[in-house]
Amino acid sequence: MAKRKLRGSIVVVTGASSGIGRAAAGRFARAGATVVLAARRQGELEAAAAECEAAGGRALVVPTDVTDYAQVEALAARTVSTFGRIDVWCNNAGVYALGAVEDTPVEIERRVIDVNLVGVLYGARAALARFARQGHGVLINVASLAGLAPSGWLATYSATKAAVLALSDALRQEQRGRDVQVCALVPSTVDTPLFAHAANYTGRQIRMVGHVHDVDEVARALVRLAERPRAQVVVGAPRRLLTILRLFARPLFERVTPLVIRRRHLGRLGAADSPGNLLAPASDAGAAHQRRARLRPLAVLGALAALAGAGLFARHQLS
């Protein structure tokens, strides 16, 4: 597909107050786009807008709770009334909750579903309606590798991200024959405030697990999707190996994954139950972190060896 120009384009980014959304907004601004910033925290949105303008772009702040359809519609309407159109819509807002299903309050589970899935659906409806009227547009839904390789203690989060992938595939089919592209960005572990702001009902502190990718690496992938839309882009090779493991050696995957969660994602120190930022916005700044991921060659080789062994075992069973 021919590269689309970002200079002069109108881009809406939800979850723009921190993390991937804030980093991507800055990259869109540096490319000459006008960025409409949406999230719950107006103060952080104003700070992000100042960064966009300092980078050479224009920015508009529209405080929005993506779980409220009226607010999402108002976001789209204000964008069009101010700038005349929407060229790119990024459904990036998301929350994280860690805990066994029976230990996690129902209102927390419901909030994860409302933000991570219903919010994406609301954003897609609002964006696609405008794309239909103007005849073009790019919709980018931010999912997660947890949607391809579900994990225990992340049941609802994994389910919502898998649903975002399915929703993206279905919407793409509906848009065939039109100049409307539907894309899914599938990041692995990213160094953002997501984990610090997570709901936690495990009794232990949360640590970032596996390769921790620099937030700007993922933001760059998101902006590239807007320039050259593709159905799905995965960021994070080591976690991608787990998805392959799940496809070809599910019993092994279901043994390995709980170990990874318990030994790597959860720390040794105890932690009180907390709803994180799910029920109310976080009080801290939550700016995107900048820490480079470190490769773990032995872990990658181990995963490849496990895959090879599983493949040989399967071949032996079939012969």
Protein backbone atom coordinates (compact mmCIF):
# COMPACT_ATOMS: atom_id res chain seq x y z
CA MET A 1 0.00 0.00 0.00
CA ALA A 2 1.24 3.48 -0.89
CA LYS A 3 2.59 5.51 1.99
CA ARG A 4 0.05 7.97 3.37
CA LYS A 5 1.18 11.47 4.24
CA LEU A 6 0.88 12.44 7.88
CA ARG A 7 1.69 16.12 7.39
CA GLY A 8 -1.58 18.02 7.63
CA SER A 9 -3.55 14.97 8.72
CA ILE A 10 -5.98 14.96 11.66
CA VAL A 11 -5.22 12.24 14.19
CA VAL A 12 -7.27 11.28 17.27
CA VAL A 13 -5.44 9.40 20.02
CA THR A 14 -7.23 8.02 23.08
CA GLY A 15 -5.24 7.23 26.20
CA ALA A 16 -3.00 10.15 25.21
CA SER A 17 -2.09 11.31 28.72
CA SER A 18 0.72 8.77 29.15
CA GLY A 19 2.54 5.77 27.75
CA ILE A 20 2.12 4.67 24.15
CA GLY A 21 -0.58 7.25 23.43
CA ARG A 22 1.47 10.19 24.62
CA ALA A 23 4.61 9.01 22.84
CA ALA A 24 2.67 8.39 19.61
CA ALA A 25 1.02 11.82 19.81
CA GLY A 26 4.46 13.40 19.95
CA ARG A 27 5.59 11.42 16.92
CA PHE A 28 2.48 12.37 14.96
CA ALA A 29 3.11 16.02 15.84
CA ARG A 30 6.74 15.82 14.68
CA ALA A 31 5.47 14.41 11.38
CA GLY A 32 3.33 17.55 10.95
CA ALA A 33 -0.05 16.14 11.99
CA THR A 34 -2.71 17.84 14.07
CA VAL A 35 -3.31 15.65 17.12
CA VAL A 36 -6.52 15.45 19.15
CA LEU A 37 -5.65 14.17 22.61
CA ALA A 38 -8.22 12.24 24.64
CA ALA A 39 -8.00 10.73 28.15
CA ARG A 40 -9.49 11.34 31.58
CA ARG A 41 -6.76 13.58 33.03
CA GLN A 42 -6.99 17.10 31.61
CA GLY A 43 -3.79 18.28 33.28
CA GLU A 44 -1.71 15.54 31.68
CA LEU A 45 -3.44 16.10 28.34
CA GLU A 46 -2.50 19.78 28.49
CA ALA A 47 1.12 18.81 29.17
CA ALA A 48 1.05 16.36 26.25
CA ALA A 49 -0.46 19.04 24.01
CA ALA A 50 2.37 21.42 24.92
CA GLU A 51 4.87 18.71 23.91
CA CYS A 52 3.09 18.24 20.56
CA GLU A 53 3.10 21.96 19.84
CA ALA A 54 6.76 22.23 20.80
CA ALA A 55 7.42 19.44 18.28
CA GLY A 56 5.83 21.48 15.51
CA GLY A 57 2.30 20.10 15.40
CA ARG A 58 -1.08 21.41 16.45
CA ALA A 59 -2.94 19.85 19.36
CA LEU A 60 -6.46 19.88 20.76
CA VAL A 61 -7.31 18.55 24.21
CA VAL A 62 -10.67 16.80 24.66
CA PRO A 63 -11.01 15.10 28.08
CA THR A 64 -12.84 11.81 27.43
CA ASP A 65 -13.83 8.66 29.29
CA VAL A 66 -13.96 6.06 26.51
CA THR A 67 -16.51 3.98 28.44
CA ASP A 68 -19.10 6.75 27.94
CA TYR A 69 -20.44 6.62 24.38
CA ALA A 70 -21.75 10.18 24.55
CA GLN A 71 -18.26 11.42 25.41
CA VAL A 72 -16.67 9.41 22.57
CA GLU A 73 -19.24 10.78 20.11
CA ALA A 74 -18.55 14.29 21.42
CA LEU A 75 -14.82 13.70 20.85
CA ALA A 76 -15.44 12.77 17.22
CA ALA A 77 -17.92 15.58 16.67
CA ARG A 78 -15.63 18.22 18.14
CA THR A 79 -12.72 17.00 16.01
CA VAL A 80 -14.76 17.28 12.82
CA SER A 81 -16.32 20.62 13.77
CA THR A 82 -12.86 22.04 14.53
CA PHE A 83 -10.77 20.53 11.74
CA GLY A 84 -13.29 19.28 9.18
CA ARG A 85 -12.40 15.59 9.19
CA ILE A 86 -10.64 12.69 10.94
CA ASP A 87 -7.86 10.94 9.01
CA VAL A 88 -6.58 8.56 11.69
CA TRP A 89 -8.25 7.31 14.87
CA CYS A 90 -6.13 5.42 17.41
CA ASN A 91 -8.01 3.39 20.02
CA ASN A 92 -5.20 3.23 22.55
CA ALA A 93 -6.81 3.73 25.98
CA GLY A 94 -6.43 0.66 28.18
CA VAL A 95 -6.22 -0.56 31.76
CA TYR A 96 -4.57 -3.56 33.40
CA ALA A 97 -5.73 -5.83 36.22
CA LEU A 98 -3.83 -8.74 37.69
CA GLY A 99 -5.42 -11.38 39.92
CA ALA A 100 -7.25 -14.69 39.87
CA VAL A 101 -10.83 -14.31 38.68
CA GLU A 102 -12.31 -15.40 42.02
CA ASP A 103 -10.12 -12.88 43.88
CA THR A 104 -10.81 -9.85 41.69
CA PRO A 105 -13.87 -7.69 42.46
CA VAL A 106 -16.61 -7.84 39.84
CA GLU A 107 -16.53 -4.05 39.36
CA ILE A 108 -12.82 -4.26 38.47
CA GLU A 109 -13.39 -7.03 35.93
CA ARG A 110 -16.24 -5.04 34.41
CA ARG A 111 -14.12 -1.91 34.21
CA VAL A 112 -11.40 -3.81 32.32
CA ILE A 113 -14.02 -4.95 29.81
CA ASP A 114 -15.56 -1.49 29.53
CA VAL A 115 -12.27 0.31 28.87
CA ASN A 116 -10.36 -2.27 26.85
CA LEU A 117 -13.17 -3.62 24.70
CA VAL A 118 -16.30 -1.45 24.91
CA GLY A 119 -14.16 1.68 24.66
CA VAL A 120 -12.55 0.34 21.48
CA LEU A 121 -15.98 -0.51 20.06
CA TYR A 122 -17.28 2.98 20.85
CA GLY A 123 -14.23 4.58 19.26
CA ALA A 124 -14.55 2.37 16.18
CA ARG A 125 -18.24 3.29 15.76
CA ALA A 126 -17.53 7.00 16.05
CA ALA A 127 -14.55 6.88 13.70
CA LEU A 128 -16.09 4.62 11.05
CA ALA A 129 -19.19 6.79 10.84
CA ARG A 130 -16.99 9.81 9.99
CA PHE A 131 -14.83 7.77 7.60
CA ALA A 132 -17.96 6.68 5.72
CA ARG A 133 -19.04 10.30 5.23
CA GLN A 134 -15.64 11.55 4.08
CA GLY A 135 -14.67 8.44 2.10
CA HIS A 136 -11.40 7.55 3.80
CA GLY A 137 -9.69 6.88 7.11
CA VAL A 138 -7.38 4.66 9.13
CA LEU A 139 -8.54 2.98 12.36
CA ILE A 140 -5.82 1.58 14.63
CA ASN A 141 -6.78 -0.58 17.60
CA VAL A 142 -4.08 -1.25 20.20
CA ALA A 143 -4.33 -4.83 21.44
CA SER A 144 -1.68 -6.91 23.25
CA LEU A 145 0.21 -10.15 22.89
CA ALA A 146 -1.89 -11.27 25.85
CA GLY A 147 -4.69 -11.49 23.29
CA LEU A 148 -2.67 -14.02 21.28
CA ALA A 149 -1.18 -15.84 24.26
CA PRO A 150 -3.61 -15.58 27.22
CA SER A 151 -2.22 -15.79 30.73
CA GLY A 152 -3.64 -16.90 34.04
CA TRP A 153 -4.14 -14.08 36.54
CA LEU A 154 -4.76 -11.92 33.46
CA ALA A 155 -7.93 -13.68 32.37
CA THR A 156 -10.15 -10.66 31.75
CA TYR A 157 -7.34 -8.52 30.34
CA SER A 158 -6.35 -11.34 27.96
CA ALA A 159 -9.98 -11.85 26.95
CA THR A 160 -10.47 -8.17 26.11
CA LYS A 161 -7.31 -8.01 24.02
CA ALA A 162 -8.27 -11.19 22.13
CA ALA A 163 -11.66 -9.60 21.50
CA VAL A 164 -9.99 -6.44 20.16
CA LEU A 165 -8.12 -8.57 17.63
CA ALA A 166 -11.32 -10.35 16.60
CA LEU A 167 -13.18 -7.04 16.39
CA SER A 168 -10.45 -5.58 14.19
CA ASP A 169 -10.60 -8.56 11.82
CA ALA A 170 -14.38 -8.34 11.58
CA LEU A 171 -14.40 -4.59 10.98
CA ARG A 172 -11.77 -4.98 8.27
CA GLN A 173 -14.09 -7.36 6.44
CA GLU A 174 -16.95 -4.87 6.69
CA GLN A 175 -14.78 -2.13 5.18
CA ARG A 176 -13.58 -4.08 2.13
CA GLY A 177 -13.99 -2.11 -1.07
CA ARG A 178 -13.65 1.24 0.72
CA ASP A 179 -10.65 3.45 1.37
CA VAL A 180 -10.94 2.63 5.08
CA GLN A 181 -8.16 0.63 6.73
CA VAL A 182 -8.54 -1.23 10.04
CA CYS A 183 -5.30 -2.17 11.79
CA ALA A 184 -4.31 -3.88 15.03
CA LEU A 185 -1.11 -3.07 16.89
CA VAL A 186 -0.02 -5.93 19.15
CA PRO A 187 2.72 -4.88 21.59
CA SER A 188 4.52 -7.03 24.11
CA THR A 189 5.69 -5.63 27.47
CA VAL A 190 6.24 -1.88 27.16
CA ASP A 191 7.86 0.47 29.64
CA THR A 192 4.82 2.61 30.45
CA PRO A 193 2.89 3.47 33.64
CA LEU A 194 0.39 0.67 32.83
CA PHE A 195 1.84 -1.66 35.45
CA ALA A 196 2.27 1.02 38.11
CA HIS A 197 -1.38 1.99 37.62
CA ALA A 198 -2.69 -1.59 37.44
CA ALA A 199 -5.35 -3.09 39.66
CA ASN A 200 -3.65 -5.76 41.75
CA TYR A 201 -5.37 -8.59 43.64
CA THR A 202 -2.49 -11.08 43.78
CA GLY A 203 -1.13 -10.18 47.22
CA ARG A 204 2.29 -9.51 45.64
CA GLN A 205 3.94 -6.59 43.94
CA ILE A 206 3.85 -6.39 40.14
CA ARG A 207 7.02 -6.39 38.07
CA MET A 208 7.38 -5.92 34.31
CA VAL A 209 7.94 -9.32 32.75
CA GLY A 210 10.06 -10.48 29.81
CA HIS A 211 11.59 -8.06 27.33
CA VAL A 212 10.62 -4.52 28.26
CA HIS A 213 10.36 -2.47 25.09
CA ASP A 214 11.01 1.24 24.96
CA VAL A 215 7.70 3.07 24.64
CA ASP A 216 9.00 5.05 21.68
CA GLU A 217 9.63 1.80 19.78
CA VAL A 218 5.94 0.92 20.04
CA ALA A 219 4.85 4.50 19.30
CA ARG A 220 6.98 4.40 16.17
CA ALA A 221 5.25 1.18 15.07
CA LEU A 222 1.85 2.80 15.64
CA VAL A 223 2.75 5.84 13.54
CA ARG A 224 4.09 3.58 10.79
CA LEU A 225 0.72 1.81 10.73
CA ALA A 226 -0.95 5.16 10.06
CA GLU A 227 1.46 5.74 7.16
CA ARG A 228 1.33 2.21 5.76
CA PRO A 229 -1.75 0.41 7.15
CA ARG A 230 -1.47 -3.34 7.69
CA ALA A 231 -3.91 -5.81 9.22
CA GLN A 232 -1.73 -6.60 12.22
CA VAL A 233 1.72 -5.64 13.50
CA VAL A 234 3.33 -7.42 16.45
CA VAL A 235 6.05 -5.72 18.50
CA GLY A 236 8.08 -8.10 20.63
CA ALA A 237 9.76 -11.27 19.33
CA PRO A 238 10.20 -13.21 22.62
CA ARG A 239 6.52 -13.02 23.55
CA ARG A 240 5.67 -13.89 19.95
CA LEU A 241 7.44 -17.20 20.55
CA LEU A 242 4.90 -17.92 23.28
CA THR A 243 2.07 -17.46 20.77
CA ILE A 244 3.73 -20.01 18.49
CA LEU A 245 4.21 -22.32 21.46
CA ARG A 246 0.51 -22.02 22.25
CA LEU A 247 -0.44 -22.92 18.67
CA PHE A 248 1.78 -25.98 18.33
CA ALA A 249 2.32 -27.20 21.90
CA ARG A 250 -0.59 -26.02 24.00
CA PRO A 251 0.07 -28.33 27.01
CA LEU A 252 3.63 -27.01 27.26
CA PHE A 253 2.41 -23.43 26.90
CA GLU A 254 -0.08 -23.91 29.72
CA ARG A 255 2.70 -25.20 31.96
CA VAL A 256 5.21 -22.48 31.12
CA THR A 257 2.93 -19.46 31.31
CA PRO A 258 1.87 -19.78 34.99
CA LEU A 259 5.53 -20.13 35.93
CA VAL A 260 6.38 -16.95 34.06
CA ILE A 261 3.58 -15.05 35.79
CA ARG A 262 4.37 -16.29 39.30
CA ARG A 263 8.15 -16.09 39.09
CA ARG A 264 8.70 -13.09 36.83
CA HIS A 265 5.60 -10.90 36.79
CA LEU A 266 5.00 -11.05 40.54
CA GLY A 267 7.65 -9.89 42.98
CA ARG A 268 8.55 -11.43 46.31
CA LEU A 269 7.26 -8.51 48.35
CA GLY A 270 3.65 -8.44 49.47
CA ALA A 271 1.16 -5.84 48.29
CA ALA A 272 -2.27 -4.76 49.49
CA ASP A 273 -5.23 -5.18 47.15
CA SER A 274 -5.67 -2.10 45.00
CA PRO A 275 -8.00 -0.96 42.17
CA GLY A 276 -5.15 1.05 40.65
CA ASN A 277 -6.38 3.70 38.23
CA LEU A 278 -9.40 1.70 37.06
CA LEU A 279 -12.08 3.44 39.08
CA ALA A 280 -10.46 6.90 39.20
CA PRO A 281 -7.60 8.55 37.27
CA ALA A 282 -4.12 8.17 38.72
CA SER A 283 -2.82 11.13 40.69
CA ASP A 284 0.78 10.95 39.44
CA ALA A 285 2.07 12.39 36.19
CA GLY A 286 2.43 9.08 34.40
CA ALA A 287 4.67 10.35 31.61
CA ALA A 288 6.08 7.76 29.22
CA HIS A 289 9.23 6.12 30.54
CA GLN A 290 12.31 5.67 28.39
CA ARG A 291 14.05 2.38 29.20
CA ARG A 292 15.60 0.22 26.51
CA ALA A 293 14.67 -3.47 26.41
CA ARG A 294 17.46 -5.95 27.01
CA LEU A 295 17.65 -9.10 24.94
CA ARG A 296 17.83 -12.41 26.80
CA PRO A 297 19.48 -14.80 24.33
CA LEU A 298 19.27 -17.85 26.63
CA ALA A 299 15.53 -17.37 27.12
CA VAL A 300 14.98 -17.06 23.38
CA LEU A 301 17.11 -20.12 22.64
CA GLY A 302 15.28 -22.05 25.34
CA ALA A 303 11.93 -21.19 23.82
CA LEU A 304 13.15 -22.21 20.36
CA ALA A 305 14.45 -25.49 21.75
CA ALA A 306 11.09 -26.14 23.38
CA LEU A 307 9.33 -25.42 20.10
CA ALA A 308 11.64 -27.76 18.22
CA GLY A 309 11.13 -30.49 20.79
CA ALA A 310 7.39 -30.06 20.70
CA GLY A 311 7.40 -30.25 16.92
CA LEU A 312 9.45 -33.45 16.92
CA PHE A 313 7.15 -34.98 19.54
CA ALA A 314 4.05 -34.08 17.52
CA ARG A 315 5.60 -35.51 14.35
CA HIS A 316 6.45 -38.75 16.17
CA GLN A 317 2.90 -39.06 17.50
CA LEU A 318 1.44 -38.61 14.00
CA SER A 319 3.81 -41.05 12.31
